[in-house]
Amino acid sequence: MRGRLHQALRLFVTFAGMAILAGCEESGNSYVPPPPPAVRIAQPIQQPVTLYFELTGNTAPLNAVDIEARVQGYIQSIDYQDGKLVKKGTKLFGIERDTYQAQLDQAKASLASQQASQVGAKQEYDRQVNLSKQQVTTQTAVDSAKATLDEANAAILNAQANVELATINLGYTEVLAPFDGIVTDHLVDIGTLVGVSGPTKLASIVQTDPLYAYFNVSETQVLMIKQTLAKQGHTFRQTDLPNIPAEIGLQTEEGYPHKGHLDYVSPQLDASTGTLQVRALFDNKDHAMLPGLFVRVRVPVGHNDKALLVRDDTIGTNQLGSYVLALGKDDVIEQKRVKTGQREGQLRVIESGLDPADWIVVQGVQQAVPGSKVTPEKIEMNPTANAAGDAKTKTTTQ
């Protein structure tokens, strides 16, 4: 009896569950897919853009020379501070002067003696000429007096040259800065004998204002420049270099804050590298740049009046190259291959692959999968505003 009761209870529970399931199906509680993800889209910006070649190079000093002792003697003074900027003509080292001052005095005394002899020889020659006119002396005596005067004149020239040479040697005892620049640490100390067997290096001086920047342009880039100039009806001339601007930036700097102009272009390509060496000149009055630094170089090569630009952070890259996500038919995302150009702030020039009417995904890129449908919201391609919107979205999500 009890077994039959349990069996009846199980049947009741089973039928009750089936009734509940049937009631749920009748109420229409079925799976509903989520709505398409929301993304923000914007059209490319179309504006004039100056086209540049972006290269790399190195800075170099305008002048850099070794300072050497050209006369023999002991160092008596060091008249500058190591590493300090000095002006042209500043005394850097002093070498003992006594010997060279004595040589100059001796040369001057010899010159005075020769000048006195020349006066006597001139008087004797004039006297012999007058006597010859009176037919009181012989021609031989006149010729002899003339030869003595010529010897005296030559002796004066020699004495004057000795004075000049002694003056030069005395001047070498004061080693002066040949130009404005920074002098390195001294390589000799006071009391050192220098110039014994030849010139002795004392220090070096480097002129860093203005400053050079050297960089290389490839053969392809050279040909492109020539073609651009030809289309404009111009030919390249060396005299045009000061009119061609150049910009550089250091590794720790944003953009290209240092402005200058081209100064030199090599007349021939380097066959081993296929490049052409170019030099630009930059002001460096604050001495912020040092010779030998690695720099980024930018040189204008053309102008595009209707360049297309998109936010740089909307451009993706894979094995096939660069691409952007664009809104296609029926709000379906599609991937468009693009050829990118130079960067303009937070924007990037698109050289090919886009039309001005295309709508590019600028926010919600991670939710935009090629081939999937999205819910688009149109905004302006404003990098500052969009960046702020992204930051706000990220903050809210966190």
Protein backbone atom coordinates (compact mmCIF):
# COMPACT_ATOMS: atom_id res chain seq x y z
CA MET A 1 0.00 0.00 0.00
CA ARG A 2 2.80 2.39 0.97
CA GLY A 3 4.67 1.60 -2.31
CA ARG A 4 1.64 2.54 -4.35
CA LEU A 5 1.43 5.86 -2.49
CA HIS A 6 5.05 6.74 -3.32
CA GLN A 7 4.55 5.84 -6.97
CA ALA A 8 1.48 8.06 -7.19
CA LEU A 9 3.40 10.94 -5.60
CA ARG A 10 6.22 10.66 -8.16
CA LEU A 11 3.76 10.74 -11.02
CA PHE A 12 2.15 13.86 -9.59
CA VAL A 13 5.48 15.70 -9.35
CA THR A 14 6.36 14.72 -12.90
CA PHE A 15 3.09 15.95 -14.34
CA ALA A 16 3.35 19.19 -12.32
CA GLY A 17 6.84 19.90 -13.74
CA MET A 18 5.64 19.27 -17.26
CA ALA A 19 2.78 21.65 -16.71
CA ILE A 20 5.10 24.35 -15.46
CA LEU A 21 7.39 23.96 -18.51
CA ALA A 22 4.43 24.09 -20.83
CA GLY A 23 3.26 27.28 -19.16
CA CYS A 24 6.70 28.87 -19.61
CA GLU A 25 6.74 28.04 -23.31
CA GLU A 26 3.28 29.49 -23.73
CA SER A 27 4.38 32.79 -22.05
CA GLY A 28 6.99 33.46 -24.89
CA ASN A 29 10.21 33.68 -22.70
CA SER A 30 12.79 33.08 -25.54
CA TYR A 31 16.49 34.20 -26.09
CA VAL A 32 16.94 37.76 -27.38
CA PRO A 33 20.37 38.67 -28.94
CA PRO A 34 22.14 41.82 -27.60
CA PRO A 35 21.99 45.02 -29.67
CA PRO A 36 24.92 45.92 -31.99
CA PRO A 37 27.79 47.65 -30.17
CA ALA A 38 27.86 51.43 -30.28
CA VAL A 39 30.76 53.14 -32.03
CA ARG A 40 31.59 56.71 -33.00
CA ILE A 41 32.51 57.51 -36.56
CA ALA A 42 33.94 60.56 -38.29
CA GLN A 43 34.92 61.58 -41.80
CA PRO A 44 38.57 62.34 -42.69
CA ILE A 45 39.73 65.94 -42.39
CA GLN A 46 40.65 67.52 -45.70
CA GLN A 47 43.13 70.40 -45.47
CA PRO A 48 46.36 71.75 -47.03
CA VAL A 49 49.49 69.98 -45.81
CA THR A 50 53.17 70.63 -46.44
CA LEU A 51 54.87 67.37 -47.37
CA TYR A 52 58.19 66.51 -45.74
CA PHE A 53 60.98 64.01 -45.92
CA GLU A 54 61.59 62.71 -42.41
CA LEU A 55 65.19 61.59 -41.98
CA THR A 56 67.80 61.04 -39.31
CA GLY A 57 71.18 62.69 -38.89
CA ASN A 58 73.81 63.95 -36.50
CA THR A 59 74.88 67.37 -35.34
CA ALA A 60 78.40 68.66 -35.94
CA PRO A 61 80.29 71.79 -34.83
CA LEU A 62 80.73 74.74 -37.14
CA ASN A 63 84.45 74.78 -36.24
CA ALA A 64 86.57 72.45 -34.12
CA VAL A 65 90.36 72.76 -33.88
CA ASP A 66 93.22 71.75 -31.63
CA ILE A 67 94.99 74.58 -29.80
CA GLU A 68 98.76 74.08 -30.07
CA ALA A 69 101.90 75.76 -28.80
CA ARG A 70 103.88 76.96 -31.82
CA VAL A 71 106.99 78.13 -29.93
CA GLN A 72 109.17 76.47 -27.33
CA GLY A 73 108.94 77.51 -23.71
CA TYR A 74 107.43 76.85 -20.31
CA ILE A 75 103.70 77.35 -19.67
CA GLN A 76 103.40 80.35 -17.36
CA SER A 77 99.62 80.78 -17.18
CA ILE A 78 96.31 79.13 -18.03
CA ASP A 79 93.85 81.97 -18.51
CA TYR A 80 90.48 80.26 -18.97
CA GLN A 81 88.15 77.86 -17.16
CA ASP A 82 87.80 74.39 -18.62
CA GLY A 83 84.54 73.98 -20.54
CA LYS A 84 83.65 77.66 -20.55
CA LEU A 85 82.56 79.72 -23.54
CA VAL A 86 85.22 82.20 -24.69
CA LYS A 87 85.24 84.97 -27.28
CA LYS A 88 87.53 85.19 -30.26
CA GLY A 89 90.92 86.65 -29.23
CA THR A 90 90.64 85.59 -25.58
CA LYS A 91 94.00 84.64 -24.09
CA LEU A 92 94.00 80.93 -23.21
CA PHE A 93 97.65 80.11 -22.38
CA GLY A 94 100.77 82.11 -21.66
CA ILE A 95 104.26 80.87 -22.59
CA GLU A 96 107.40 82.50 -21.18
CA ARG A 97 108.21 85.64 -23.17
CA ASP A 98 111.70 86.69 -22.02
CA THR A 99 113.67 84.91 -24.76
CA TYR A 100 111.35 86.07 -27.54
CA GLN A 101 111.23 89.63 -26.22
CA ALA A 102 115.02 89.70 -26.25
CA GLN A 103 115.08 88.37 -29.82
CA LEU A 104 112.68 91.13 -30.85
CA ASP A 105 114.81 93.80 -29.16
CA GLN A 106 117.90 92.41 -30.90
CA ALA A 107 116.13 92.47 -34.28
CA LYS A 108 115.04 96.06 -33.73
CA ALA A 109 118.59 97.07 -32.81
CA SER A 110 119.92 95.43 -35.94
CA LEU A 111 117.33 97.27 -38.00
CA ALA A 112 118.37 100.59 -36.47
CA SER A 113 122.04 99.84 -37.26
CA GLN A 114 121.21 98.97 -40.85
CA GLN A 115 119.14 102.12 -41.21
CA ALA A 116 122.10 104.20 -40.02
CA SER A 117 124.39 102.46 -42.49
CA GLN A 118 121.88 103.09 -45.23
CA VAL A 119 121.89 106.84 -44.44
CA GLY A 120 125.72 106.95 -44.76
CA ALA A 121 125.65 104.92 -47.97
CA LYS A 122 123.01 107.24 -49.44
CA GLN A 123 125.06 110.32 -48.60
CA GLU A 124 128.18 108.83 -50.13
CA TYR A 125 126.31 107.88 -53.29
CA ASP A 126 124.84 111.37 -53.66
CA ARG A 127 128.31 112.90 -53.16
CA GLN A 128 129.88 110.66 -55.82
CA VAL A 129 127.07 111.53 -58.25
CA ASN A 130 127.73 115.28 -57.78
CA LEU A 131 131.46 114.79 -58.22
CA SER A 132 130.82 112.81 -61.37
CA LYS A 133 128.82 115.71 -62.77
CA GLN A 134 131.81 117.96 -62.06
CA GLN A 135 134.09 115.34 -63.64
CA VAL A 136 136.12 115.18 -60.46
CA THR A 137 135.59 111.46 -59.74
CA THR A 138 135.54 108.29 -61.77
CA GLN A 139 132.57 106.19 -62.82
CA THR A 140 134.05 103.33 -60.87
CA ALA A 141 133.69 105.29 -57.63
CA VAL A 142 130.07 106.11 -58.46
CA ASP A 143 129.29 102.46 -59.17
CA SER A 144 130.96 101.37 -55.95
CA ALA A 145 128.90 103.88 -53.94
CA LYS A 146 125.72 102.66 -55.66
CA ALA A 147 126.51 99.04 -54.81
CA THR A 148 127.13 99.97 -51.17
CA LEU A 149 123.75 101.78 -51.05
CA ASP A 150 121.99 98.77 -52.59
CA GLU A 151 123.56 96.50 -50.01
CA ALA A 152 122.39 98.82 -47.25
CA ASN A 153 118.84 98.83 -48.62
CA ALA A 154 118.83 95.03 -48.80
CA ALA A 155 120.20 94.80 -45.27
CA ILE A 156 117.32 96.99 -44.07
CA LEU A 157 114.76 94.68 -45.72
CA ASN A 158 116.39 91.69 -44.05
CA ALA A 159 116.43 93.45 -40.67
CA GLN A 160 112.77 94.39 -41.06
CA ALA A 161 111.90 90.77 -41.83
CA ASN A 162 113.78 89.68 -38.69
CA VAL A 163 111.77 92.19 -36.65
CA GLU A 164 108.51 90.87 -38.09
CA LEU A 165 109.55 87.26 -37.43
CA ALA A 166 110.56 88.06 -33.86
CA THR A 167 107.26 89.90 -33.36
CA ILE A 168 105.33 86.87 -34.62
CA ASN A 169 107.22 84.49 -32.35
CA LEU A 170 106.64 86.80 -29.40
CA GLY A 171 102.93 86.83 -30.26
CA TYR A 172 102.86 83.05 -30.20
CA THR A 173 103.73 83.17 -26.50
CA GLU A 174 100.10 84.24 -25.94
CA VAL A 175 97.82 81.50 -27.23
CA LEU A 176 94.51 83.11 -28.24
CA ALA A 177 91.08 81.69 -29.12
CA PRO A 178 90.73 81.63 -32.93
CA PHE A 179 86.93 82.00 -32.75
CA ASP A 180 84.02 82.06 -30.30
CA GLY A 181 83.64 78.62 -28.77
CA ILE A 182 83.90 76.28 -25.81
CA VAL A 183 87.40 75.22 -24.77
CA THR A 184 88.01 71.71 -23.48
CA ASP A 185 90.03 70.88 -20.39
CA HIS A 186 93.72 71.79 -20.58
CA LEU A 187 96.15 69.01 -21.44
CA VAL A 188 99.24 70.66 -19.91
CA ASP A 189 99.90 72.27 -16.55
CA ILE A 190 101.76 75.41 -15.54
CA GLY A 191 105.50 74.79 -15.74
CA THR A 192 105.27 72.26 -18.58
CA LEU A 193 107.86 72.66 -21.33
CA VAL A 194 106.07 72.74 -24.69
CA GLY A 195 107.04 73.04 -28.31
CA VAL A 196 110.34 71.18 -27.93
CA SER A 197 110.18 68.86 -30.94
CA GLY A 198 107.20 70.48 -32.66
CA PRO A 199 103.74 71.87 -31.90
CA THR A 200 102.32 70.67 -28.57
CA LYS A 201 98.54 70.20 -28.19
CA LEU A 202 97.29 72.29 -25.28
CA ALA A 203 93.48 71.88 -25.59
CA SER A 204 90.69 71.97 -28.18
CA ILE A 205 88.06 74.58 -28.96
CA VAL A 206 84.64 73.84 -30.45
CA GLN A 207 82.24 76.35 -31.96
CA THR A 208 78.64 75.24 -31.32
CA ASP A 209 76.74 78.34 -32.42
CA PRO A 210 75.63 78.01 -35.13
CA LEU A 211 75.56 74.24 -35.45
CA TYR A 212 75.57 71.89 -38.42
CA ALA A 213 73.30 68.88 -38.91
CA TYR A 214 74.43 66.27 -41.45
CA PHE A 215 72.02 63.74 -42.96
CA ASN A 216 71.80 61.53 -46.03
CA VAL A 217 69.10 61.52 -48.72
CA SER A 218 68.54 58.34 -50.71
CA GLU A 219 68.82 58.18 -54.47
CA THR A 220 65.05 57.66 -54.77
CA GLN A 221 64.34 60.74 -52.68
CA VAL A 222 66.77 62.80 -54.77
CA LEU A 223 64.95 61.80 -57.94
CA MET A 224 61.58 62.59 -56.36
CA ILE A 225 62.78 66.08 -55.44
CA LYS A 226 64.02 66.66 -58.98
CA GLN A 227 60.69 65.50 -60.41
CA THR A 228 58.75 67.78 -58.05
CA LEU A 229 60.88 70.76 -59.01
CA ALA A 230 60.50 69.91 -62.69
CA LYS A 231 56.70 69.89 -62.36
CA GLN A 232 56.91 73.34 -60.78
CA GLY A 233 59.14 74.56 -63.59
CA HIS A 234 62.20 74.95 -61.35
CA THR A 235 65.70 73.51 -61.31
CA PHE A 236 67.86 72.97 -58.26
CA ARG A 237 70.64 75.50 -57.68
CA GLN A 238 73.16 75.71 -54.87
CA THR A 239 72.28 79.38 -54.39
CA ASP A 240 68.73 78.34 -53.41
CA LEU A 241 69.90 76.42 -50.32
CA PRO A 242 69.45 79.26 -47.78
CA ASN A 243 65.82 79.52 -48.92
CA ILE A 244 65.05 75.84 -48.21
CA PRO A 245 64.03 75.42 -44.55
CA ALA A 246 65.03 72.47 -42.41
CA GLU A 247 63.86 71.38 -38.96
CA ILE A 248 65.37 69.06 -36.40
CA GLY A 249 64.32 67.53 -33.11
CA LEU A 250 66.27 65.72 -30.41
CA GLN A 251 65.30 62.29 -29.10
CA THR A 252 63.76 63.78 -25.96
CA GLU A 253 61.82 66.50 -27.79
CA GLU A 254 58.37 66.48 -29.36
CA GLY A 255 58.19 67.48 -32.99
CA TYR A 256 60.87 69.59 -34.65
CA PRO A 257 61.42 72.70 -32.52
CA HIS A 258 64.76 73.79 -34.03
CA LYS A 259 64.49 75.77 -37.27
CA GLY A 260 67.28 76.31 -39.80
CA HIS A 261 68.03 76.07 -43.49
CA LEU A 262 70.03 73.94 -45.90
CA ASP A 263 73.67 74.93 -46.23
CA TYR A 264 75.36 72.33 -48.44
CA VAL A 265 74.50 69.46 -50.77
CA SER A 266 77.17 67.06 -52.00
CA PRO A 267 77.68 67.34 -55.77
CA GLN A 268 77.61 63.55 -56.22
CA LEU A 269 76.03 60.42 -54.79
CA ASP A 270 78.05 58.03 -52.68
CA ALA A 271 78.13 54.91 -54.84
CA SER A 272 78.75 52.62 -51.85
CA THR A 273 75.61 53.76 -49.98
CA GLY A 274 73.47 55.22 -52.77
CA THR A 275 72.91 58.38 -50.74
CA LEU A 276 73.60 62.07 -51.06
CA GLN A 277 75.05 63.97 -48.10
CA VAL A 278 73.21 67.14 -47.10
CA ARG A 279 74.07 69.70 -44.43
CA ALA A 280 71.79 72.18 -42.67
CA LEU A 281 72.68 75.15 -40.46
CA PHE A 282 70.90 75.96 -37.17
CA ASP A 283 71.16 78.71 -34.58
CA ASN A 284 72.22 77.40 -31.18
CA LYS A 285 72.50 80.54 -29.08
CA ASP A 286 71.37 78.79 -25.88
CA HIS A 287 73.81 75.91 -26.60
CA ALA A 288 71.00 73.41 -25.98
CA MET A 289 72.35 71.17 -28.74
CA LEU A 290 75.76 69.54 -28.66
CA PRO A 291 77.86 68.27 -31.55
CA GLY A 292 77.46 64.57 -32.24
CA LEU A 293 73.81 64.25 -31.15
CA PHE A 294 71.39 62.01 -33.02
CA VAL A 295 68.57 64.14 -34.46
CA ARG A 296 65.37 63.71 -36.41
CA VAL A 297 65.40 65.86 -39.54
CA ARG A 298 62.46 67.19 -41.53
CA VAL A 299 62.78 68.94 -44.91
CA PRO A 300 59.80 70.17 -46.99
CA VAL A 301 59.54 68.61 -50.45
CA GLY A 302 56.07 69.58 -51.64
CA HIS A 303 52.53 70.71 -50.83
CA ASN A 304 49.15 68.96 -50.95
CA ASP A 305 46.18 71.33 -51.00
CA LYS A 306 43.62 68.59 -50.32
CA ALA A 307 45.28 66.07 -48.07
CA LEU A 308 43.14 63.58 -46.12
CA LEU A 309 43.97 63.11 -42.45
CA VAL A 310 42.62 60.80 -39.76
CA ARG A 311 43.46 60.29 -36.12
CA ASP A 312 46.70 58.37 -35.83
CA ASP A 313 45.29 56.08 -33.12
CA THR A 314 42.54 54.85 -35.45
CA ILE A 315 45.06 53.26 -37.83
CA GLY A 316 45.81 49.58 -37.31
CA THR A 317 48.64 47.47 -38.67
CA ASN A 318 48.96 43.82 -39.54
CA GLN A 319 51.06 41.65 -41.83
CA LEU A 320 49.40 43.14 -44.91
CA GLY A 321 50.07 46.74 -43.90
CA SER A 322 48.06 49.60 -42.46
CA TYR A 323 44.27 49.76 -42.34
CA VAL A 324 41.31 51.62 -40.86
CA LEU A 325 37.87 50.39 -39.86
CA ALA A 326 35.15 52.07 -41.91
CA LEU A 327 31.37 51.95 -41.85
CA GLY A 328 30.02 50.04 -44.81
CA LYS A 329 26.57 49.22 -46.16
CA ASP A 330 23.84 48.43 -43.59
CA ASP A 331 26.13 49.68 -40.78
CA VAL A 332 28.49 46.75 -41.24
CA ILE A 333 32.17 47.33 -40.41
CA GLU A 334 34.70 46.81 -43.17
CA GLN A 335 38.48 46.98 -43.19
CA LYS A 336 40.07 49.41 -45.66
CA ARG A 337 43.73 49.18 -46.65
CA VAL A 338 45.45 52.57 -46.60
CA LYS A 339 48.85 54.00 -47.37
CA THR A 340 49.92 56.29 -44.57
CA GLY A 341 52.04 59.42 -44.84
CA GLN A 342 53.57 61.84 -42.39
CA ARG A 343 52.16 62.67 -38.98
CA GLU A 344 50.58 66.05 -38.28
CA GLY A 345 50.20 66.31 -34.50
CA GLN A 346 47.63 63.65 -33.51
CA LEU A 347 46.58 63.19 -37.13
CA ARG A 348 48.15 61.12 -39.90
CA VAL A 349 48.10 61.87 -43.61
CA ILE A 350 46.45 59.13 -45.70
CA GLU A 351 48.09 59.05 -49.12
CA SER A 352 45.71 56.49 -50.65
CA GLY A 353 42.89 54.10 -49.75
CA LEU A 354 40.33 56.59 -48.41
CA ASP A 355 37.70 58.93 -49.84
CA PRO A 356 36.57 62.18 -48.20
CA ALA A 357 33.05 60.68 -47.82
CA ASP A 358 34.22 57.60 -45.87
CA TRP A 359 33.18 57.25 -42.24
CA ILE A 360 36.00 55.99 -40.00
CA VAL A 361 35.59 54.39 -36.59
CA VAL A 362 37.32 56.74 -34.13
CA GLN A 363 35.88 55.46 -30.83
CA GLY A 364 34.91 51.92 -29.89
CA VAL A 365 37.47 50.41 -32.25
CA GLN A 366 37.79 47.30 -30.07
CA GLN A 367 34.07 46.58 -30.43
CA ALA A 368 34.12 47.13 -34.21
CA VAL A 369 34.85 43.76 -35.81
CA PRO A 370 35.02 43.59 -39.63
CA GLY A 371 31.83 41.97 -40.94
CA SER A 372 29.79 42.77 -37.83
CA LYS A 373 26.99 45.29 -37.50
CA VAL A 374 27.30 48.31 -35.23
CA THR A 375 25.26 51.23 -33.97
CA PRO A 376 27.11 54.31 -35.30
CA GLU A 377 27.17 57.82 -33.89
CA LYS A 378 28.58 60.53 -36.14
CA ILE A 379 31.03 63.04 -34.68
CA GLU A 380 33.75 65.38 -35.94
CA MET A 381 37.32 64.21 -36.55
CA ASN A 382 38.57 66.45 -33.74
CA PRO A 383 41.61 64.80 -32.14
CA THR A 384 41.51 66.89 -28.95
CA ALA A 385 37.81 66.44 -28.29
CA ASN A 386 37.82 62.77 -29.23
CA ALA A 387 40.85 62.09 -27.06
CA ALA A 388 39.07 63.74 -24.14
CA GLY A 389 35.97 61.62 -24.87
CA ASP A 390 38.07 58.47 -24.90
CA ALA A 391 39.65 59.38 -21.59
CA LYS A 392 36.21 60.06 -20.08
CA THR A 393 34.88 56.73 -21.37
CA LYS A 394 37.85 54.87 -19.93
CA THR A 395 37.41 56.57 -16.58
CA THR A 396 33.71 55.68 -16.47
CA THR A 397 34.44 52.07 -17.40
CA GLN A 398 36.97 51.77 -14.63
